[in-house]
Amino acid sequence: MAKTLRDHLFDTIRELGESDMKAFKDKLNNFQPKPGYNRIKWGELEKADAVAITRLLVNYYKEDYAVEVARKMLEDMDKKNLAHNLFQATGKAPGGTQQTPAPTSSTRTRVTDVAAPMLMEYRPGSSRAGDSGRVSRRPGFPAHCL
């Protein structure tokens, strides 16, 4: 069975040590959520463990926004590795957009014998007669190499 957003959120919070857990709760208590959401009260956070914090985040913010809030708290605590791991596991980017995590070697598919489309680069102010200002690029060559 695949893990849910809630599972990944719990796994991330569970990795915090005791002092980091206190800092996470404090930051969460002082966090100003976006309009339409309420701040989690200190009385609910004070003695909460990882399970209770996960439950509070999901109950107050729903799963998508809860992941975003947790990432923000972790980044503010300079726990960027945990924030990054949460992003990788959930595919949730800041701002509530969903990103597809990069495929792993076990899910990559190699495609061969397929012609790649030619990329075009726009160059404004081209002086060549009849030139649309577009220059053909060979795939794999950066624009500055033309």
N, C-alpha and C. Protein backbone atom coordinates (compact mmCIF):
# COMPACT_ATOMS: atom_id res chain seq x y z
N MET A 1 0.84 -1.18 0.00
CA MET A 1 0.00 0.00 0.00
C MET A 1 0.89 1.24 0.00
N ALA A 2 0.59 2.18 -0.87
CA ALA A 2 1.38 3.40 -1.00
C ALA A 2 1.14 4.31 0.20
N LYS A 3 2.19 5.05 0.57
CA LYS A 3 2.06 5.98 1.68
C LYS A 3 1.25 7.20 1.26
N THR A 4 0.48 7.71 2.20
CA THR A 4 -0.32 8.91 1.97
C THR A 4 0.52 10.13 2.35
N LEU A 5 0.00 11.32 2.03
CA LEU A 5 0.66 12.56 2.45
C LEU A 5 0.80 12.60 3.96
N ARG A 6 -0.26 12.14 4.63
CA ARG A 6 -0.25 12.12 6.09
C ARG A 6 0.88 11.22 6.62
N ASP A 7 1.08 10.06 5.98
CA ASP A 7 2.16 9.16 6.39
C ASP A 7 3.53 9.83 6.24
N HIS A 8 3.74 10.50 5.11
CA HIS A 8 5.03 11.17 4.88
C HIS A 8 5.22 12.32 5.87
N LEU A 9 4.15 13.02 6.17
CA LEU A 9 4.20 14.11 7.13
C LEU A 9 4.59 13.57 8.51
N PHE A 10 3.95 12.50 8.93
CA PHE A 10 4.26 11.87 10.20
C PHE A 10 5.72 11.39 10.25
N ASP A 11 6.17 10.72 9.19
CA ASP A 11 7.55 10.23 9.15
C ASP A 11 8.55 11.37 9.31
N THR A 12 8.27 12.50 8.70
CA THR A 12 9.16 13.65 8.78
C THR A 12 9.18 14.23 10.19
N ILE A 13 8.02 14.43 10.77
CA ILE A 13 7.93 15.01 12.12
C ILE A 13 8.57 14.08 13.14
N ARG A 14 8.40 12.79 12.94
CA ARG A 14 8.96 11.79 13.86
C ARG A 14 10.49 11.84 13.88
N GLU A 15 11.10 12.31 12.81
CA GLU A 15 12.56 12.39 12.75
C GLU A 15 13.15 13.52 13.58
N LEU A 16 12.31 14.45 14.03
CA LEU A 16 12.81 15.56 14.85
C LEU A 16 13.19 15.06 16.24
N GLY A 17 14.30 15.53 16.74
CA GLY A 17 14.69 15.22 18.11
C GLY A 17 13.85 16.03 19.08
N GLU A 18 14.08 15.81 20.37
CA GLU A 18 13.26 16.48 21.39
C GLU A 18 13.35 18.00 21.32
N SER A 19 14.55 18.56 21.23
CA SER A 19 14.68 20.02 21.19
C SER A 19 14.14 20.58 19.87
N ASP A 20 14.36 19.84 18.77
CA ASP A 20 13.81 20.29 17.49
C ASP A 20 12.29 20.21 17.48
N MET A 21 11.74 19.23 18.19
CA MET A 21 10.28 19.09 18.27
C MET A 21 9.70 20.31 19.01
N LYS A 22 10.37 20.76 20.06
CA LYS A 22 9.91 21.96 20.79
C LYS A 22 9.95 23.18 19.88
N ALA A 23 11.04 23.31 19.12
CA ALA A 23 11.17 24.45 18.22
C ALA A 23 10.10 24.39 17.12
N PHE A 24 9.84 23.20 16.61
CA PHE A 24 8.81 23.02 15.57
C PHE A 24 7.45 23.44 16.11
N LYS A 25 7.12 23.01 17.32
CA LYS A 25 5.84 23.37 17.94
C LYS A 25 5.74 24.88 18.15
N ASP A 26 6.83 25.48 18.60
CA ASP A 26 6.84 26.93 18.84
C ASP A 26 6.63 27.69 17.53
N LYS A 27 7.35 27.30 16.49
CA LYS A 27 7.19 27.94 15.19
C LYS A 27 5.77 27.75 14.66
N LEU A 28 5.25 26.55 14.83
CA LEU A 28 3.89 26.25 14.38
C LEU A 28 2.87 27.09 15.13
N ASN A 29 3.09 27.29 16.42
CA ASN A 29 2.18 28.09 17.23
C ASN A 29 2.19 29.56 16.80
N ASN A 30 3.34 30.04 16.35
CA ASN A 30 3.48 31.45 15.95
C ASN A 30 3.27 31.66 14.45
N PHE A 31 3.02 30.60 13.72
CA PHE A 31 2.83 30.67 12.27
C PHE A 31 1.50 31.34 11.94
N GLN A 32 1.55 32.27 10.98
CA GLN A 32 0.33 32.93 10.52
C GLN A 32 -0.11 32.24 9.23
N PRO A 33 -1.15 31.39 9.31
CA PRO A 33 -1.60 30.67 8.11
C PRO A 33 -2.26 31.60 7.10
N LYS A 34 -2.40 31.11 5.89
CA LYS A 34 -3.04 31.91 4.85
C LYS A 34 -4.52 32.10 5.21
N PRO A 35 -5.17 33.07 4.60
CA PRO A 35 -6.58 33.35 4.91
C PRO A 35 -7.47 32.11 4.76
N GLY A 36 -8.39 31.98 5.71
CA GLY A 36 -9.30 30.85 5.70
C GLY A 36 -8.89 29.74 6.65
N TYR A 37 -7.69 29.86 7.24
CA TYR A 37 -7.19 28.86 8.17
C TYR A 37 -6.88 29.53 9.51
N ASN A 38 -6.99 28.76 10.58
CA ASN A 38 -6.70 29.25 11.92
C ASN A 38 -5.36 28.73 12.40
N ARG A 39 -4.77 29.47 13.31
CA ARG A 39 -3.52 29.07 13.94
C ARG A 39 -3.82 27.95 14.96
N ILE A 40 -2.92 26.98 15.05
CA ILE A 40 -3.08 25.91 16.04
C ILE A 40 -2.74 26.48 17.41
N LYS A 41 -3.62 26.26 18.37
CA LYS A 41 -3.45 26.81 19.72
C LYS A 41 -2.34 26.08 20.48
N TRP A 42 -1.61 26.85 21.30
CA TRP A 42 -0.50 26.29 22.07
C TRP A 42 -0.96 25.18 23.00
N GLY A 43 -2.14 25.30 23.57
CA GLY A 43 -2.67 24.27 24.47
C GLY A 43 -2.78 22.91 23.80
N GLU A 44 -3.01 22.90 22.50
CA GLU A 44 -3.09 21.64 21.76
C GLU A 44 -1.70 21.14 21.36
N LEU A 45 -0.76 22.06 21.17
CA LEU A 45 0.58 21.69 20.72
C LEU A 45 1.54 21.32 21.85
N GLU A 46 1.35 21.95 23.00
CA GLU A 46 2.33 21.89 24.08
C GLU A 46 2.81 20.47 24.41
N LYS A 47 1.92 19.55 24.60
CA LYS A 47 2.31 18.19 24.99
C LYS A 47 2.13 17.18 23.85
N ALA A 48 1.94 17.69 22.64
CA ALA A 48 1.68 16.81 21.50
C ALA A 48 2.96 16.09 21.05
N ASP A 49 2.80 14.82 20.69
CA ASP A 49 3.90 14.05 20.11
C ASP A 49 3.74 14.09 18.59
N ALA A 50 4.57 13.34 17.86
CA ALA A 50 4.54 13.35 16.40
C ALA A 50 3.17 12.96 15.84
N VAL A 51 2.53 11.97 16.47
CA VAL A 51 1.20 11.53 16.01
C VAL A 51 0.19 12.66 16.18
N ALA A 52 0.19 13.29 17.34
CA ALA A 52 -0.77 14.36 17.62
C ALA A 52 -0.51 15.59 16.75
N ILE A 53 0.76 15.92 16.53
CA ILE A 53 1.09 17.07 15.68
C ILE A 53 0.63 16.82 14.25
N THR A 54 0.85 15.61 13.76
CA THR A 54 0.39 15.26 12.41
C THR A 54 -1.12 15.40 12.33
N ARG A 55 -1.81 14.88 13.33
CA ARG A 55 -3.27 14.97 13.36
C ARG A 55 -3.72 16.42 13.37
N LEU A 56 -3.08 17.25 14.21
CA LEU A 56 -3.45 18.67 14.29
C LEU A 56 -3.21 19.38 12.95
N LEU A 57 -2.06 19.13 12.34
CA LEU A 57 -1.76 19.75 11.05
C LEU A 57 -2.82 19.41 10.01
N VAL A 58 -3.16 18.14 9.93
CA VAL A 58 -4.14 17.70 8.93
C VAL A 58 -5.54 18.22 9.26
N ASN A 59 -5.90 18.23 10.54
CA ASN A 59 -7.23 18.72 10.92
C ASN A 59 -7.38 20.22 10.70
N TYR A 60 -6.32 20.98 10.99
CA TYR A 60 -6.39 22.42 10.83
C TYR A 60 -6.20 22.87 9.38
N TYR A 61 -5.32 22.18 8.64
CA TYR A 61 -4.90 22.68 7.33
C TYR A 61 -5.18 21.75 6.15
N LYS A 62 -5.77 20.59 6.37
CA LYS A 62 -5.95 19.58 5.31
C LYS A 62 -4.57 19.11 4.86
N GLU A 63 -4.50 17.99 4.17
CA GLU A 63 -3.21 17.36 3.88
C GLU A 63 -2.27 18.22 3.03
N ASP A 64 -2.75 18.75 1.91
CA ASP A 64 -1.87 19.50 1.02
C ASP A 64 -1.23 20.70 1.71
N TYR A 65 -2.06 21.52 2.35
CA TYR A 65 -1.53 22.71 3.01
C TYR A 65 -0.72 22.32 4.25
N ALA A 66 -1.08 21.25 4.92
CA ALA A 66 -0.33 20.79 6.10
C ALA A 66 1.12 20.46 5.71
N VAL A 67 1.30 19.82 4.57
CA VAL A 67 2.66 19.51 4.10
C VAL A 67 3.41 20.80 3.81
N GLU A 68 2.75 21.75 3.18
CA GLU A 68 3.37 23.04 2.89
C GLU A 68 3.77 23.76 4.18
N VAL A 69 2.89 23.75 5.18
CA VAL A 69 3.17 24.40 6.47
C VAL A 69 4.36 23.71 7.15
N ALA A 70 4.36 22.39 7.18
CA ALA A 70 5.45 21.66 7.81
C ALA A 70 6.78 21.96 7.12
N ARG A 71 6.78 22.01 5.80
CA ARG A 71 8.00 22.35 5.06
C ARG A 71 8.50 23.73 5.45
N LYS A 72 7.58 24.68 5.56
CA LYS A 72 7.95 26.05 5.93
C LYS A 72 8.57 26.07 7.32
N MET A 73 7.97 25.35 8.27
CA MET A 73 8.51 25.31 9.63
C MET A 73 9.92 24.71 9.63
N LEU A 74 10.09 23.62 8.89
CA LEU A 74 11.40 22.95 8.82
C LEU A 74 12.44 23.86 8.19
N GLU A 75 12.08 24.56 7.13
CA GLU A 75 13.02 25.48 6.49
C GLU A 75 13.38 26.62 7.43
N ASP A 76 12.39 27.15 8.16
CA ASP A 76 12.66 28.22 9.12
C ASP A 76 13.58 27.76 10.26
N MET A 77 13.55 26.46 10.55
CA MET A 77 14.41 25.89 11.60
C MET A 77 15.77 25.48 11.04
N ASP A 78 16.01 25.75 9.77
CA ASP A 78 17.23 25.36 9.07
C ASP A 78 17.36 23.84 8.99
N LYS A 79 16.23 23.16 8.88
CA LYS A 79 16.19 21.70 8.67
C LYS A 79 15.83 21.45 7.20
N LYS A 80 16.64 22.05 6.33
CA LYS A 80 16.35 21.99 4.91
C LYS A 80 16.41 20.57 4.35
N ASN A 81 17.22 19.72 4.96
CA ASN A 81 17.28 18.33 4.49
C ASN A 81 15.96 17.62 4.73
N LEU A 82 15.35 17.83 5.90
CA LEU A 82 14.05 17.22 6.18
C LEU A 82 12.96 17.82 5.28
N ALA A 83 13.04 19.14 5.07
CA ALA A 83 12.07 19.80 4.19
C ALA A 83 12.19 19.25 2.77
N HIS A 84 13.42 19.08 2.32
CA HIS A 84 13.66 18.54 0.98
C HIS A 84 13.15 17.10 0.87
N ASN A 85 13.42 16.29 1.89
CA ASN A 85 12.96 14.90 1.89
C ASN A 85 11.43 14.83 1.86
N LEU A 86 10.79 15.74 2.59
CA LEU A 86 9.32 15.79 2.58
C LEU A 86 8.83 16.15 1.18
N PHE A 87 9.48 17.11 0.53
CA PHE A 87 9.12 17.46 -0.84
C PHE A 87 9.31 16.27 -1.78
N GLN A 88 10.44 15.60 -1.66
CA GLN A 88 10.71 14.46 -2.53
C GLN A 88 9.65 13.37 -2.35
N ALA A 89 9.27 13.12 -1.11
CA ALA A 89 8.32 12.05 -0.82
C ALA A 89 6.90 12.40 -1.27
N THR A 90 6.54 13.68 -1.17
CA THR A 90 5.16 14.08 -1.45
C THR A 90 4.98 14.74 -2.81
N GLY A 91 6.05 15.29 -3.34
CA GLY A 91 5.94 16.02 -4.60
C GLY A 91 5.26 17.35 -4.45
N LYS A 92 5.20 17.86 -3.22
CA LYS A 92 4.54 19.14 -2.96
C LYS A 92 5.56 20.26 -2.93
N ALA A 93 5.38 21.22 -3.83
CA ALA A 93 6.26 22.37 -3.89
C ALA A 93 5.66 23.50 -3.06
N PRO A 94 6.49 24.45 -2.67
CA PRO A 94 5.94 25.60 -1.94
C PRO A 94 4.88 26.30 -2.76
N GLY A 95 3.89 26.83 -2.10
CA GLY A 95 2.81 27.52 -2.78
C GLY A 95 1.66 26.62 -3.14
N GLY A 96 1.72 25.35 -2.74
CA GLY A 96 0.61 24.46 -2.95
C GLY A 96 0.57 23.80 -4.32
N THR A 97 1.60 24.01 -5.14
CA THR A 97 1.61 23.35 -6.43
C THR A 97 2.18 21.96 -6.27
N GLN A 98 1.77 21.09 -7.12
CA GLN A 98 2.25 19.73 -7.02
C GLN A 98 3.27 19.49 -8.12
N GLN A 99 4.37 18.93 -7.75
CA GLN A 99 5.44 18.59 -8.67
C GLN A 99 5.52 17.08 -8.73
N THR A 100 5.88 16.57 -9.89
CA THR A 100 6.08 15.14 -10.00
C THR A 100 7.52 14.86 -9.63
N PRO A 101 7.76 14.04 -8.61
CA PRO A 101 9.14 13.75 -8.24
C PRO A 101 9.88 13.13 -9.42
N ALA A 102 11.18 13.38 -9.47
CA ALA A 102 12.00 12.84 -10.55
C ALA A 102 11.93 11.32 -10.52
N PRO A 103 11.87 10.70 -11.69
CA PRO A 103 11.81 9.24 -11.71
C PRO A 103 13.10 8.63 -11.19
N THR A 104 12.96 7.50 -10.57
CA THR A 104 14.14 6.79 -10.09
C THR A 104 14.61 5.87 -11.19
N SER A 105 15.78 5.30 -11.00
CA SER A 105 16.34 4.46 -12.06
C SER A 105 15.43 3.27 -12.36
N SER A 106 14.65 2.85 -11.39
CA SER A 106 13.77 1.71 -11.62
C SER A 106 12.53 2.08 -12.43
N THR A 107 12.22 3.40 -12.52
CA THR A 107 11.03 3.80 -13.25
C THR A 107 11.34 4.51 -14.55
N ARG A 108 12.62 4.78 -14.83
CA ARG A 108 12.99 5.44 -16.07
C ARG A 108 12.83 4.50 -17.25
N THR A 109 12.39 5.07 -18.33
CA THR A 109 12.25 4.30 -19.55
C THR A 109 13.15 4.94 -20.60
N ARG A 110 13.95 4.15 -21.23
CA ARG A 110 14.83 4.67 -22.26
C ARG A 110 14.14 4.55 -23.61
N VAL A 111 14.10 5.66 -24.33
CA VAL A 111 13.48 5.68 -25.64
C VAL A 111 14.61 5.82 -26.65
N THR A 112 14.63 4.94 -27.64
CA THR A 112 15.67 5.00 -28.66
C THR A 112 15.03 5.10 -30.03
N ASP A 113 15.82 5.53 -31.02
CA ASP A 113 15.39 5.63 -32.40
C ASP A 113 14.17 6.53 -32.59
N VAL A 114 14.13 7.62 -31.82
CA VAL A 114 13.05 8.59 -31.98
C VAL A 114 13.70 9.93 -32.25
N ALA A 115 13.27 10.60 -33.30
CA ALA A 115 13.85 11.90 -33.63
C ALA A 115 13.36 12.94 -32.63
N ALA A 116 14.29 13.68 -32.07
CA ALA A 116 13.93 14.74 -31.13
C ALA A 116 13.54 15.98 -31.91
N PRO A 117 12.55 16.73 -31.44
CA PRO A 117 12.16 17.95 -32.15
C PRO A 117 13.28 18.99 -32.06
N MET A 118 13.39 19.80 -33.07
CA MET A 118 14.38 20.86 -33.06
C MET A 118 13.88 21.98 -32.16
N LEU A 119 14.74 22.47 -31.30
CA LEU A 119 14.39 23.57 -30.43
C LEU A 119 14.69 24.88 -31.15
N MET A 120 13.90 25.87 -30.89
CA MET A 120 14.09 27.17 -31.53
C MET A 120 14.42 28.18 -30.44
N GLU A 121 15.28 29.11 -30.79
CA GLU A 121 15.62 30.17 -29.86
C GLU A 121 15.23 31.49 -30.50
N TYR A 122 14.58 32.33 -29.76
CA TYR A 122 14.14 33.62 -30.28
C TYR A 122 15.27 34.62 -30.13
N ARG A 123 15.58 35.32 -31.21
CA ARG A 123 16.59 36.38 -31.18
C ARG A 123 15.95 37.63 -31.73
N PRO A 124 15.58 38.56 -30.86
CA PRO A 124 14.93 39.78 -31.33
C PRO A 124 15.90 40.65 -32.13
N GLY A 125 15.36 41.38 -33.08
CA GLY A 125 16.15 42.34 -33.83
C GLY A 125 17.10 41.72 -34.84
N SER A 126 16.75 40.58 -35.37
CA SER A 126 17.61 39.95 -36.36
C SER A 126 17.66 40.84 -37.59
N SER A 127 18.85 41.00 -38.19
CA SER A 127 19.01 41.91 -39.32
C SER A 127 18.92 41.21 -40.67
N ARG A 128 18.79 39.92 -40.71
CA ARG A 128 18.73 39.19 -41.98
C ARG A 128 17.36 39.36 -42.62
N ALA A 129 17.35 39.64 -43.92
CA ALA A 129 16.08 39.84 -44.64
C ALA A 129 15.27 38.56 -44.63
N GLY A 130 14.00 38.68 -44.33
CA GLY A 130 13.11 37.53 -44.32
C GLY A 130 13.29 36.65 -43.10
N ASP A 131 14.17 37.03 -42.20
CA ASP A 131 14.43 36.24 -41.00
C ASP A 131 13.38 36.57 -39.96
N SER A 132 12.79 35.57 -39.38
CA SER A 132 11.75 35.78 -38.37
C SER A 132 12.35 36.07 -37.01
N GLY A 133 13.68 36.04 -36.92
CA GLY A 133 14.30 36.25 -35.62
C GLY A 133 14.50 34.95 -34.89
N ARG A 134 14.17 33.82 -35.49
CA ARG A 134 14.33 32.52 -34.85
C ARG A 134 15.55 31.84 -35.45
N VAL A 135 16.30 31.19 -34.60
CA VAL A 135 17.49 30.47 -35.02
C VAL A 135 17.34 29.02 -34.61
N SER A 136 17.58 28.11 -35.55
CA SER A 136 17.48 26.69 -35.23
C SER A 136 18.61 26.31 -34.29
N ARG A 137 18.29 25.43 -33.38
CA ARG A 137 19.29 24.91 -32.45
C ARG A 137 19.35 23.42 -32.60
N ARG A 138 20.51 22.89 -32.49
CA ARG A 138 20.65 21.45 -32.44
C ARG A 138 20.40 21.01 -31.02
N PRO A 139 19.65 19.93 -30.80
CA PRO A 139 19.38 19.45 -29.44
C PRO A 139 20.69 19.20 -28.69
N GLY A 140 20.72 19.66 -27.46
CA GLY A 140 21.87 19.40 -26.60
C GLY A 140 22.91 20.50 -26.64
N PHE A 141 22.76 21.51 -27.50
CA PHE A 141 23.72 22.59 -27.57
C PHE A 141 23.12 23.83 -26.90
N PRO A 142 23.82 24.40 -25.93
CA PRO A 142 23.33 25.62 -25.28
C PRO A 142 23.28 26.77 -26.28
N ALA A 143 22.44 27.75 -26.01
CA ALA A 143 22.24 28.87 -26.91
C ALA A 143 23.53 29.64 -27.15
N HIS A 144 24.38 29.76 -26.14
CA HIS A 144 25.61 30.56 -26.31
C HIS A 144 26.63 29.89 -27.22
N CYS A 145 26.40 28.66 -27.64
CA CYS A 145 27.33 27.95 -28.53
C CYS A 145 26.97 28.15 -30.00
N LEU A 146 25.90 28.87 -30.29
CA LEU A 146 25.49 29.05 -31.68
C LEU A 146 26.29 30.14 -32.33
